[in-house]
């Protein structure tokens, strides 16, 4: 909570999950993206979004290979500028 007292952003400490892959942040042209693929259905949908539906049937990737839960990675200053945070008056 140092950010709330000083405005200093804390250092990021990582976010990979040992039991789910992919689960990490990925650098994109418009900012970082957090992607977690949690189950086979998410894998099938993610492969379709990638334009690679056959990949979902590839036996090499039979478990936890692609998913939809993804969002931008915000630092704390960006969190407090988020429209939902502002609307809920979270400070």
C-alpha atoms as a PDB file:
ATOM      1  CA  UNK A   1       0.000   0.000   0.000  1.00  0.00           C
ATOM      2  CA  UNK A   2       3.003   2.296  -0.227  1.00  0.00           C
ATOM      3  CA  UNK A   3       1.531   3.725  -3.444  1.00  0.00           C
ATOM      4  CA  UNK A   4      -1.450   5.144  -1.562  1.00  0.00           C
ATOM      5  CA  UNK A   5       0.821   6.967   0.878  1.00  0.00           C
ATOM      6  CA  UNK A   6       3.630   8.096  -1.444  1.00  0.00           C
ATOM      7  CA  UNK A   7       2.502   7.709  -5.055  1.00  0.00           C
ATOM      8  CA  UNK A   8       5.538   5.483  -5.674  1.00  0.00           C
ATOM      9  CA  UNK A   9       4.708   2.514  -7.875  1.00  0.00           C
ATOM     10  CA  UNK A  10       5.708  -0.853  -6.419  1.00  0.00           C
ATOM     11  CA  UNK A  11       7.876  -3.169  -8.461  1.00  0.00           C
ATOM     12  CA  UNK A  12       5.998  -5.982 -10.213  1.00  0.00           C
ATOM     13  CA  UNK A  13       6.708  -9.362  -8.688  1.00  0.00           C
ATOM     14  CA  UNK A  14       5.556 -11.805 -11.372  1.00  0.00           C
ATOM     15  CA  UNK A  15       2.374 -13.652 -12.213  1.00  0.00           C
ATOM     16  CA  UNK A  16       3.051 -17.018 -13.819  1.00  0.00           C
ATOM     17  CA  UNK A  17       1.003 -19.925 -12.535  1.00  0.00           C
ATOM     18  CA  UNK A  18       2.649 -23.321 -12.229  1.00  0.00           C
ATOM     19  CA  UNK A  19      -0.583 -25.208 -12.956  1.00  0.00           C
ATOM     20  CA  UNK A  20      -1.928 -23.245 -15.947  1.00  0.00           C
ATOM     21  CA  UNK A  21      -0.271 -22.294 -19.204  1.00  0.00           C
ATOM     22  CA  UNK A  22      -0.274 -19.881 -20.810  1.00  0.00           C
ATOM     23  CA  UNK A  23      -0.543 -17.709 -17.752  1.00  0.00           C
ATOM     24  CA  UNK A  24       1.625 -14.663 -17.917  1.00  0.00           C
ATOM     25  CA  UNK A  25       1.767 -11.112 -19.052  1.00  0.00           C
ATOM     26  CA  UNK A  26       2.595 -10.483 -22.687  1.00  0.00           C
ATOM     27  CA  UNK A  27       3.890  -7.224 -24.119  1.00  0.00           C
ATOM     28  CA  UNK A  28       1.666  -5.955 -26.950  1.00  0.00           C
ATOM     29  CA  UNK A  29       1.908  -2.887 -29.171  1.00  0.00           C
ATOM     30  CA  UNK A  30      -0.721  -1.045 -27.090  1.00  0.00           C
ATOM     31  CA  UNK A  31       0.361  -2.177 -23.608  1.00  0.00           C
ATOM     32  CA  UNK A  32       0.809  -5.292 -21.538  1.00  0.00           C
ATOM     33  CA  UNK A  33      -1.870  -7.993 -21.503  1.00  0.00           C
ATOM     34  CA  UNK A  34      -2.476 -10.621 -18.826  1.00  0.00           C
ATOM     35  CA  UNK A  35      -3.581 -13.936 -20.288  1.00  0.00           C
ATOM     36  CA  UNK A  36      -4.666 -16.980 -18.314  1.00  0.00           C
ATOM     37  CA  UNK A  37      -6.006 -20.113 -19.967  1.00  0.00           C
ATOM     38  CA  UNK A  38      -7.838 -22.064 -17.327  1.00  0.00           C
ATOM     39  CA  UNK A  39      -9.503 -25.015 -19.029  1.00  0.00           C
ATOM     40  CA  UNK A  40     -10.052 -26.911 -22.270  1.00  0.00           C
ATOM     41  CA  UNK A  41     -13.080 -24.875 -23.389  1.00  0.00           C
ATOM     42  CA  UNK A  42     -11.133 -21.662 -22.973  1.00  0.00           C
ATOM     43  CA  UNK A  43      -8.363 -23.318 -24.973  1.00  0.00           C
ATOM     44  CA  UNK A  44     -10.676 -24.094 -27.870  1.00  0.00           C
ATOM     45  CA  UNK A  45     -12.070 -20.555 -27.887  1.00  0.00           C
ATOM     46  CA  UNK A  46      -8.642 -18.986 -27.684  1.00  0.00           C
ATOM     47  CA  UNK A  47      -7.356 -21.056 -30.603  1.00  0.00           C
ATOM     48  CA  UNK A  48     -10.334 -19.862 -32.653  1.00  0.00           C
ATOM     49  CA  UNK A  49      -9.615 -16.243 -31.719  1.00  0.00           C
ATOM     50  CA  UNK A  50      -6.027 -16.784 -32.861  1.00  0.00           C
ATOM     51  CA  UNK A  51      -7.385 -18.081 -36.181  1.00  0.00           C
ATOM     52  CA  UNK A  52      -5.873 -21.499 -35.433  1.00  0.00           C
ATOM     53  CA  UNK A  53      -8.829 -23.748 -34.525  1.00  0.00           C
ATOM     54  CA  UNK A  54      -6.929 -26.925 -35.486  1.00  0.00           C
ATOM     55  CA  UNK A  55      -4.444 -26.216 -32.719  1.00  0.00           C
ATOM     56  CA  UNK A  56      -7.158 -26.969 -30.165  1.00  0.00           C
ATOM     57  CA  UNK A  57      -7.317 -30.548 -31.471  1.00  0.00           C
ATOM     58  CA  UNK A  58      -3.553 -31.044 -31.561  1.00  0.00           C
ATOM     59  CA  UNK A  59      -2.703 -33.785 -29.016  1.00  0.00           C
ATOM     60  CA  UNK A  60       0.447 -31.913 -27.983  1.00  0.00           C
ATOM     61  CA  UNK A  61      -1.823 -29.269 -26.489  1.00  0.00           C
ATOM     62  CA  UNK A  62      -4.570 -31.421 -25.042  1.00  0.00           C
ATOM     63  CA  UNK A  63      -4.849 -29.587 -21.711  1.00  0.00           C
ATOM     64  CA  UNK A  64      -5.017 -25.941 -20.666  1.00  0.00           C
ATOM     65  CA  UNK A  65      -3.639 -24.430 -23.832  1.00  0.00           C
ATOM     66  CA  UNK A  66      -5.610 -21.303 -24.606  1.00  0.00           C
ATOM     67  CA  UNK A  67      -8.086 -19.100 -22.899  1.00  0.00           C
ATOM     68  CA  UNK A  68     -10.114 -15.989 -22.962  1.00  0.00           C
ATOM     69  CA  UNK A  69      -9.570 -14.356 -19.547  1.00  0.00           C
ATOM     70  CA  UNK A  70      -7.283 -11.487 -20.469  1.00  0.00           C
ATOM     71  CA  UNK A  71      -7.022  -7.866 -19.513  1.00  0.00           C
ATOM     72  CA  UNK A  72      -4.571  -4.998 -19.611  1.00  0.00           C
ATOM     73  CA  UNK A  73      -2.036  -4.867 -16.816  1.00  0.00           C
ATOM     74  CA  UNK A  74      -2.370  -1.568 -14.988  1.00  0.00           C
ATOM     75  CA  UNK A  75       0.067  -0.063 -12.571  1.00  0.00           C
ATOM     76  CA  UNK A  76      -1.533   1.442  -9.476  1.00  0.00           C
ATOM     77  CA  UNK A  77      -1.814   4.930 -10.921  1.00  0.00           C
ATOM     78  CA  UNK A  78      -3.757   3.472 -13.873  1.00  0.00           C
ATOM     79  CA  UNK A  79      -5.948   1.408 -11.531  1.00  0.00           C
ATOM     80  CA  UNK A  80      -7.201   4.552  -9.832  1.00  0.00           C
ATOM     81  CA  UNK A  81      -7.938   6.178 -13.213  1.00  0.00           C
ATOM     82  CA  UNK A  82     -10.120   3.228 -14.314  1.00  0.00           C
ATOM     83  CA  UNK A  83     -13.736   4.315 -15.001  1.00  0.00           C
ATOM     84  CA  UNK A  84     -15.138   1.532 -12.773  1.00  0.00           C
ATOM     85  CA  UNK A  85     -12.896   2.527  -9.853  1.00  0.00           C
ATOM     86  CA  UNK A  86     -13.902   6.170 -10.312  1.00  0.00           C
ATOM     87  CA  UNK A  87     -17.618   5.311 -10.565  1.00  0.00           C
ATOM     88  CA  UNK A  88     -17.448   3.275  -7.361  1.00  0.00           C
ATOM     89  CA  UNK A  89     -15.491   6.067  -5.663  1.00  0.00           C
ATOM     90  CA  UNK A  90     -12.778   3.677  -4.518  1.00  0.00           C
ATOM     91  CA  UNK A  91      -9.816   5.495  -3.043  1.00  0.00           C
END
